[in-house]
């Protein structure tokens, strides 16, 4: 089945990408560092405004707004391909290697309510997956930035936020 993606200028996308067979690649600090460096390089090649993110052991979520003429497919293709190449280089792997599930999931943010729901979903995700008890305990997320800026109050996310109870985006 072919996935139809909609490329609309100046919109924000919620993105989910998952590692192949849910391998916990990002539990390893050196793999995480390779990913972060690759992410920054991709951002310079295919500019986008990153609004929120979380990196979990086997997947990540982003809220991004691509800068034309780039699009989410170019961004994710570059990120996944270059991470794989960089990973292989650092780990001295010459054989073929599959690190990502085929395709990624995207959702066009439709309005402020939709934005807030996905924004909160990203920041609650480490708690949802039982990795931490409080969102501020997870370092690989934009949550700490938004907490410091006053978008969240300490105590948010200690229980599941009402606005994301029905969301299942993994």
C-alpha atoms as a PDB file:
ATOM      1  CA  UNK A   1       0.000   0.000   0.000  1.00  0.00           C
ATOM      2  CA  UNK A   2       1.342   3.392  -0.962  1.00  0.00           C
ATOM      3  CA  UNK A   3       1.166   6.099   1.690  1.00  0.00           C
ATOM      4  CA  UNK A   4      -0.101   9.431   0.459  1.00  0.00           C
ATOM      5  CA  UNK A   5       1.548  12.349   2.173  1.00  0.00           C
ATOM      6  CA  UNK A   6       0.211  15.864   2.028  1.00  0.00           C
ATOM      7  CA  UNK A   7       2.792  18.599   1.749  1.00  0.00           C
ATOM      8  CA  UNK A   8       1.217  21.871   2.745  1.00  0.00           C
ATOM      9  CA  UNK A   9       3.383  24.966   3.160  1.00  0.00           C
ATOM     10  CA  UNK A  10       3.595  26.592   6.591  1.00  0.00           C
ATOM     11  CA  UNK A  11       1.829  23.835   8.548  1.00  0.00           C
ATOM     12  CA  UNK A  12       3.043  21.992  11.609  1.00  0.00           C
ATOM     13  CA  UNK A  13       3.380  18.210  11.527  1.00  0.00           C
ATOM     14  CA  UNK A  14       3.374  15.678  14.315  1.00  0.00           C
ATOM     15  CA  UNK A  15       5.826  12.917  13.352  1.00  0.00           C
ATOM     16  CA  UNK A  16       6.462   9.468  14.793  1.00  0.00           C
ATOM     17  CA  UNK A  17       9.358   7.282  13.639  1.00  0.00           C
ATOM     18  CA  UNK A  18      10.145   3.873  15.113  1.00  0.00           C
ATOM     19  CA  UNK A  19      13.288   1.760  15.110  1.00  0.00           C
ATOM     20  CA  UNK A  20      13.291  -1.569  13.296  1.00  0.00           C
ATOM     21  CA  UNK A  21      11.609  -4.240  15.429  1.00  0.00           C
ATOM     22  CA  UNK A  22      11.503  -1.668  18.233  1.00  0.00           C
ATOM     23  CA  UNK A  23      15.193  -2.144  18.945  1.00  0.00           C
ATOM     24  CA  UNK A  24      16.128   0.142  21.859  1.00  0.00           C
ATOM     25  CA  UNK A  25      18.841   1.998  19.949  1.00  0.00           C
ATOM     26  CA  UNK A  26      18.573   5.201  21.932  1.00  0.00           C
ATOM     27  CA  UNK A  27      19.099   3.597  25.337  1.00  0.00           C
ATOM     28  CA  UNK A  28      22.778   3.639  24.429  1.00  0.00           C
ATOM     29  CA  UNK A  29      24.360   7.082  25.060  1.00  0.00           C
ATOM     30  CA  UNK A  30      26.743   6.890  22.080  1.00  0.00           C
ATOM     31  CA  UNK A  31      23.862   5.980  19.728  1.00  0.00           C
ATOM     32  CA  UNK A  32      21.849   8.871  21.143  1.00  0.00           C
ATOM     33  CA  UNK A  33      24.756  11.235  20.524  1.00  0.00           C
ATOM     34  CA  UNK A  34      25.062  10.023  16.917  1.00  0.00           C
ATOM     35  CA  UNK A  35      21.322  10.633  16.497  1.00  0.00           C
ATOM     36  CA  UNK A  36      21.461  14.149  17.958  1.00  0.00           C
ATOM     37  CA  UNK A  37      24.451  15.132  15.811  1.00  0.00           C
ATOM     38  CA  UNK A  38      22.750  13.712  12.729  1.00  0.00           C
ATOM     39  CA  UNK A  39      19.549  15.575  13.631  1.00  0.00           C
ATOM     40  CA  UNK A  40      21.390  18.921  13.804  1.00  0.00           C
ATOM     41  CA  UNK A  41      23.117  18.265  10.464  1.00  0.00           C
ATOM     42  CA  UNK A  42      19.821  17.352   8.808  1.00  0.00           C
ATOM     43  CA  UNK A  43      18.267  20.534  10.181  1.00  0.00           C
ATOM     44  CA  UNK A  44      20.928  22.561   8.368  1.00  0.00           C
ATOM     45  CA  UNK A  45      20.406  20.609   5.119  1.00  0.00           C
ATOM     46  CA  UNK A  46      16.598  20.613   5.249  1.00  0.00           C
ATOM     47  CA  UNK A  47      15.577  23.541   7.469  1.00  0.00           C
ATOM     48  CA  UNK A  48      12.626  23.244   9.797  1.00  0.00           C
ATOM     49  CA  UNK A  49      11.376  24.823  12.989  1.00  0.00           C
ATOM     50  CA  UNK A  50      11.391  22.264  15.790  1.00  0.00           C
ATOM     51  CA  UNK A  51       8.586  23.030  18.226  1.00  0.00           C
ATOM     52  CA  UNK A  52       8.683  19.961  20.464  1.00  0.00           C
ATOM     53  CA  UNK A  53      10.392  16.587  20.606  1.00  0.00           C
ATOM     54  CA  UNK A  54      10.946  13.469  22.637  1.00  0.00           C
ATOM     55  CA  UNK A  55      13.431  10.686  21.978  1.00  0.00           C
ATOM     56  CA  UNK A  56      12.588   7.363  23.610  1.00  0.00           C
ATOM     57  CA  UNK A  57      14.612   4.127  23.479  1.00  0.00           C
ATOM     58  CA  UNK A  58      12.853   2.814  20.348  1.00  0.00           C
ATOM     59  CA  UNK A  59      11.089   5.765  18.727  1.00  0.00           C
ATOM     60  CA  UNK A  60      10.783   9.511  18.610  1.00  0.00           C
ATOM     61  CA  UNK A  61       8.079  12.136  18.187  1.00  0.00           C
ATOM     62  CA  UNK A  62       8.482  15.595  16.691  1.00  0.00           C
ATOM     63  CA  UNK A  63       6.357  18.677  16.184  1.00  0.00           C
ATOM     64  CA  UNK A  64       8.001  20.395  13.232  1.00  0.00           C
ATOM     65  CA  UNK A  65       7.276  23.043  10.660  1.00  0.00           C
ATOM     66  CA  UNK A  66       9.361  22.490   7.506  1.00  0.00           C
ATOM     67  CA  UNK A  67      10.744  25.527   5.736  1.00  0.00           C
ATOM     68  CA  UNK A  68       9.882  25.468   2.017  1.00  0.00           C
ATOM     69  CA  UNK A  69      11.036  24.000  -0.287  1.00  0.00           C
ATOM     70  CA  UNK A  70      11.794  21.055   2.025  1.00  0.00           C
ATOM     71  CA  UNK A  71       9.117  18.687   3.311  1.00  0.00           C
ATOM     72  CA  UNK A  72       8.703  16.055   5.996  1.00  0.00           C
ATOM     73  CA  UNK A  73       9.659  13.181   3.685  1.00  0.00           C
ATOM     74  CA  UNK A  74      12.975  14.810   2.790  1.00  0.00           C
ATOM     75  CA  UNK A  75      13.659  15.551   6.444  1.00  0.00           C
ATOM     76  CA  UNK A  76      12.867  12.028   7.692  1.00  0.00           C
ATOM     77  CA  UNK A  77      14.593  10.296   4.792  1.00  0.00           C
ATOM     78  CA  UNK A  78      17.735  12.339   5.411  1.00  0.00           C
ATOM     79  CA  UNK A  79      17.582  11.810   9.178  1.00  0.00           C
ATOM     80  CA  UNK A  80      17.097   8.058   9.010  1.00  0.00           C
ATOM     81  CA  UNK A  81      19.541   7.478   6.152  1.00  0.00           C
ATOM     82  CA  UNK A  82      22.278   9.655   7.614  1.00  0.00           C
ATOM     83  CA  UNK A  83      21.832   8.241  11.103  1.00  0.00           C
ATOM     84  CA  UNK A  84      22.240   4.737   9.674  1.00  0.00           C
ATOM     85  CA  UNK A  85      25.372   5.762   7.738  1.00  0.00           C
ATOM     86  CA  UNK A  86      26.859   7.553  10.748  1.00  0.00           C
ATOM     87  CA  UNK A  87      25.984   4.639  13.047  1.00  0.00           C
ATOM     88  CA  UNK A  88      27.667   2.160  10.695  1.00  0.00           C
ATOM     89  CA  UNK A  89      30.761   4.350  10.430  1.00  0.00           C
ATOM     90  CA  UNK A  90      31.141   4.789  14.205  1.00  0.00           C
ATOM     91  CA  UNK A  91      30.459   1.094  14.887  1.00  0.00           C
ATOM     92  CA  UNK A  92      32.690  -0.030  11.994  1.00  0.00           C
ATOM     93  CA  UNK A  93      29.886  -1.943  10.253  1.00  0.00           C
ATOM     94  CA  UNK A  94      30.244  -2.626   6.543  1.00  0.00           C
ATOM     95  CA  UNK A  95      27.302  -4.982   6.007  1.00  0.00           C
ATOM     96  CA  UNK A  96      23.771  -3.899   5.196  1.00  0.00           C
ATOM     97  CA  UNK A  97      21.897  -2.740   8.271  1.00  0.00           C
ATOM     98  CA  UNK A  98      18.231  -1.968   8.882  1.00  0.00           C
ATOM     99  CA  UNK A  99      17.669   0.402  11.803  1.00  0.00           C
ATOM    100  CA  UNK A 100      14.231   1.883  10.994  1.00  0.00           C
ATOM    101  CA  UNK A 101      10.748   0.572  10.459  1.00  0.00           C
ATOM    102  CA  UNK A 102       9.510   1.159   6.951  1.00  0.00           C
ATOM    103  CA  UNK A 103       7.847   4.564   6.694  1.00  0.00           C
ATOM    104  CA  UNK A 104       6.950   7.017   9.437  1.00  0.00           C
ATOM    105  CA  UNK A 105       3.657   8.352  10.726  1.00  0.00           C
ATOM    106  CA  UNK A 106       2.622  11.948  10.238  1.00  0.00           C
ATOM    107  CA  UNK A 107      -0.322  14.116  11.186  1.00  0.00           C
ATOM    108  CA  UNK A 108      -1.036  17.666  10.067  1.00  0.00           C
ATOM    109  CA  UNK A 109      -1.888  19.865  13.025  1.00  0.00           C
ATOM    110  CA  UNK A 110      -5.304  21.356  12.343  1.00  0.00           C
ATOM    111  CA  UNK A 111      -5.887  23.937  15.064  1.00  0.00           C
ATOM    112  CA  UNK A 112      -4.731  25.158  18.477  1.00  0.00           C
ATOM    113  CA  UNK A 113      -6.552  22.367  20.347  1.00  0.00           C
ATOM    114  CA  UNK A 114      -4.946  19.735  18.106  1.00  0.00           C
ATOM    115  CA  UNK A 115      -1.551  21.396  18.567  1.00  0.00           C
ATOM    116  CA  UNK A 116      -1.867  21.446  22.371  1.00  0.00           C
ATOM    117  CA  UNK A 117      -2.949  17.814  22.442  1.00  0.00           C
ATOM    118  CA  UNK A 118       0.059  16.637  20.400  1.00  0.00           C
ATOM    119  CA  UNK A 119       2.416  18.980  22.279  1.00  0.00           C
ATOM    120  CA  UNK A 120       1.292  17.452  25.584  1.00  0.00           C
ATOM    121  CA  UNK A 121       1.384  13.922  24.159  1.00  0.00           C
ATOM    122  CA  UNK A 122       5.061  14.372  23.271  1.00  0.00           C
ATOM    123  CA  UNK A 123       5.975  15.622  26.722  1.00  0.00           C
ATOM    124  CA  UNK A 124       3.960  12.981  28.585  1.00  0.00           C
ATOM    125  CA  UNK A 125       5.307  10.097  26.465  1.00  0.00           C
ATOM    126  CA  UNK A 126       8.204   9.007  28.751  1.00  0.00           C
ATOM    127  CA  UNK A 127       5.738   8.760  31.667  1.00  0.00           C
ATOM    128  CA  UNK A 128       3.226   6.900  29.482  1.00  0.00           C
ATOM    129  CA  UNK A 129       5.877   4.312  28.620  1.00  0.00           C
ATOM    130  CA  UNK A 130       6.872   3.883  32.278  1.00  0.00           C
ATOM    131  CA  UNK A 131      10.393   5.214  31.730  1.00  0.00           C
ATOM    132  CA  UNK A 132       9.985   7.880  34.428  1.00  0.00           C
ATOM    133  CA  UNK A 133       7.343   8.935  36.964  1.00  0.00           C
ATOM    134  CA  UNK A 134       7.565  12.662  36.159  1.00  0.00           C
ATOM    135  CA  UNK A 135       8.171  14.359  32.783  1.00  0.00           C
ATOM    136  CA  UNK A 136      11.054  16.420  34.211  1.00  0.00           C
ATOM    137  CA  UNK A 137      12.994  13.217  34.902  1.00  0.00           C
ATOM    138  CA  UNK A 138      13.382  12.533  31.166  1.00  0.00           C
ATOM    139  CA  UNK A 139      16.281  14.438  29.614  1.00  0.00           C
ATOM    140  CA  UNK A 140      15.656  13.670  25.932  1.00  0.00           C
ATOM    141  CA  UNK A 141      12.668  15.942  25.503  1.00  0.00           C
ATOM    142  CA  UNK A 142      11.809  19.589  25.034  1.00  0.00           C
ATOM    143  CA  UNK A 143       9.734  19.399  28.237  1.00  0.00           C
ATOM    144  CA  UNK A 144      12.451  20.868  30.476  1.00  0.00           C
ATOM    145  CA  UNK A 145      12.775  23.886  28.177  1.00  0.00           C
ATOM    146  CA  UNK A 146       9.024  24.538  28.284  1.00  0.00           C
ATOM    147  CA  UNK A 147       8.906  23.992  32.052  1.00  0.00           C
ATOM    148  CA  UNK A 148      11.658  26.581  32.507  1.00  0.00           C
ATOM    149  CA  UNK A 149       9.849  29.001  30.160  1.00  0.00           C
ATOM    150  CA  UNK A 150       6.626  28.679  32.167  1.00  0.00           C
ATOM    151  CA  UNK A 151       4.537  26.786  29.608  1.00  0.00           C
ATOM    152  CA  UNK A 152       4.151  23.999  32.160  1.00  0.00           C
ATOM    153  CA  UNK A 153       3.919  24.090  35.954  1.00  0.00           C
ATOM    154  CA  UNK A 154       5.856  21.607  38.068  1.00  0.00           C
ATOM    155  CA  UNK A 155       3.478  18.721  38.723  1.00  0.00           C
ATOM    156  CA  UNK A 156       2.066  18.621  35.181  1.00  0.00           C
ATOM    157  CA  UNK A 157       2.161  15.081  33.820  1.00  0.00           C
ATOM    158  CA  UNK A 158       2.340  13.302  37.175  1.00  0.00           C
ATOM    159  CA  UNK A 159      -1.003  11.841  36.084  1.00  0.00           C
ATOM    160  CA  UNK A 160      -2.180  11.455  32.519  1.00  0.00           C
ATOM    161  CA  UNK A 161      -3.431  14.784  31.130  1.00  0.00           C
ATOM    162  CA  UNK A 162      -7.137  14.723  30.245  1.00  0.00           C
ATOM    163  CA  UNK A 163      -6.610  16.110  26.731  1.00  0.00           C
ATOM    164  CA  UNK A 164      -4.530  13.085  25.624  1.00  0.00           C
ATOM    165  CA  UNK A 165      -6.417  10.194  27.286  1.00  0.00           C
ATOM    166  CA  UNK A 166      -7.736   8.805  23.985  1.00  0.00           C
ATOM    167  CA  UNK A 167      -4.516   9.260  22.004  1.00  0.00           C
ATOM    168  CA  UNK A 168      -2.539   6.222  20.899  1.00  0.00           C
ATOM    169  CA  UNK A 169       0.095   7.299  18.380  1.00  0.00           C
ATOM    170  CA  UNK A 170       2.769   4.636  18.572  1.00  0.00           C
END
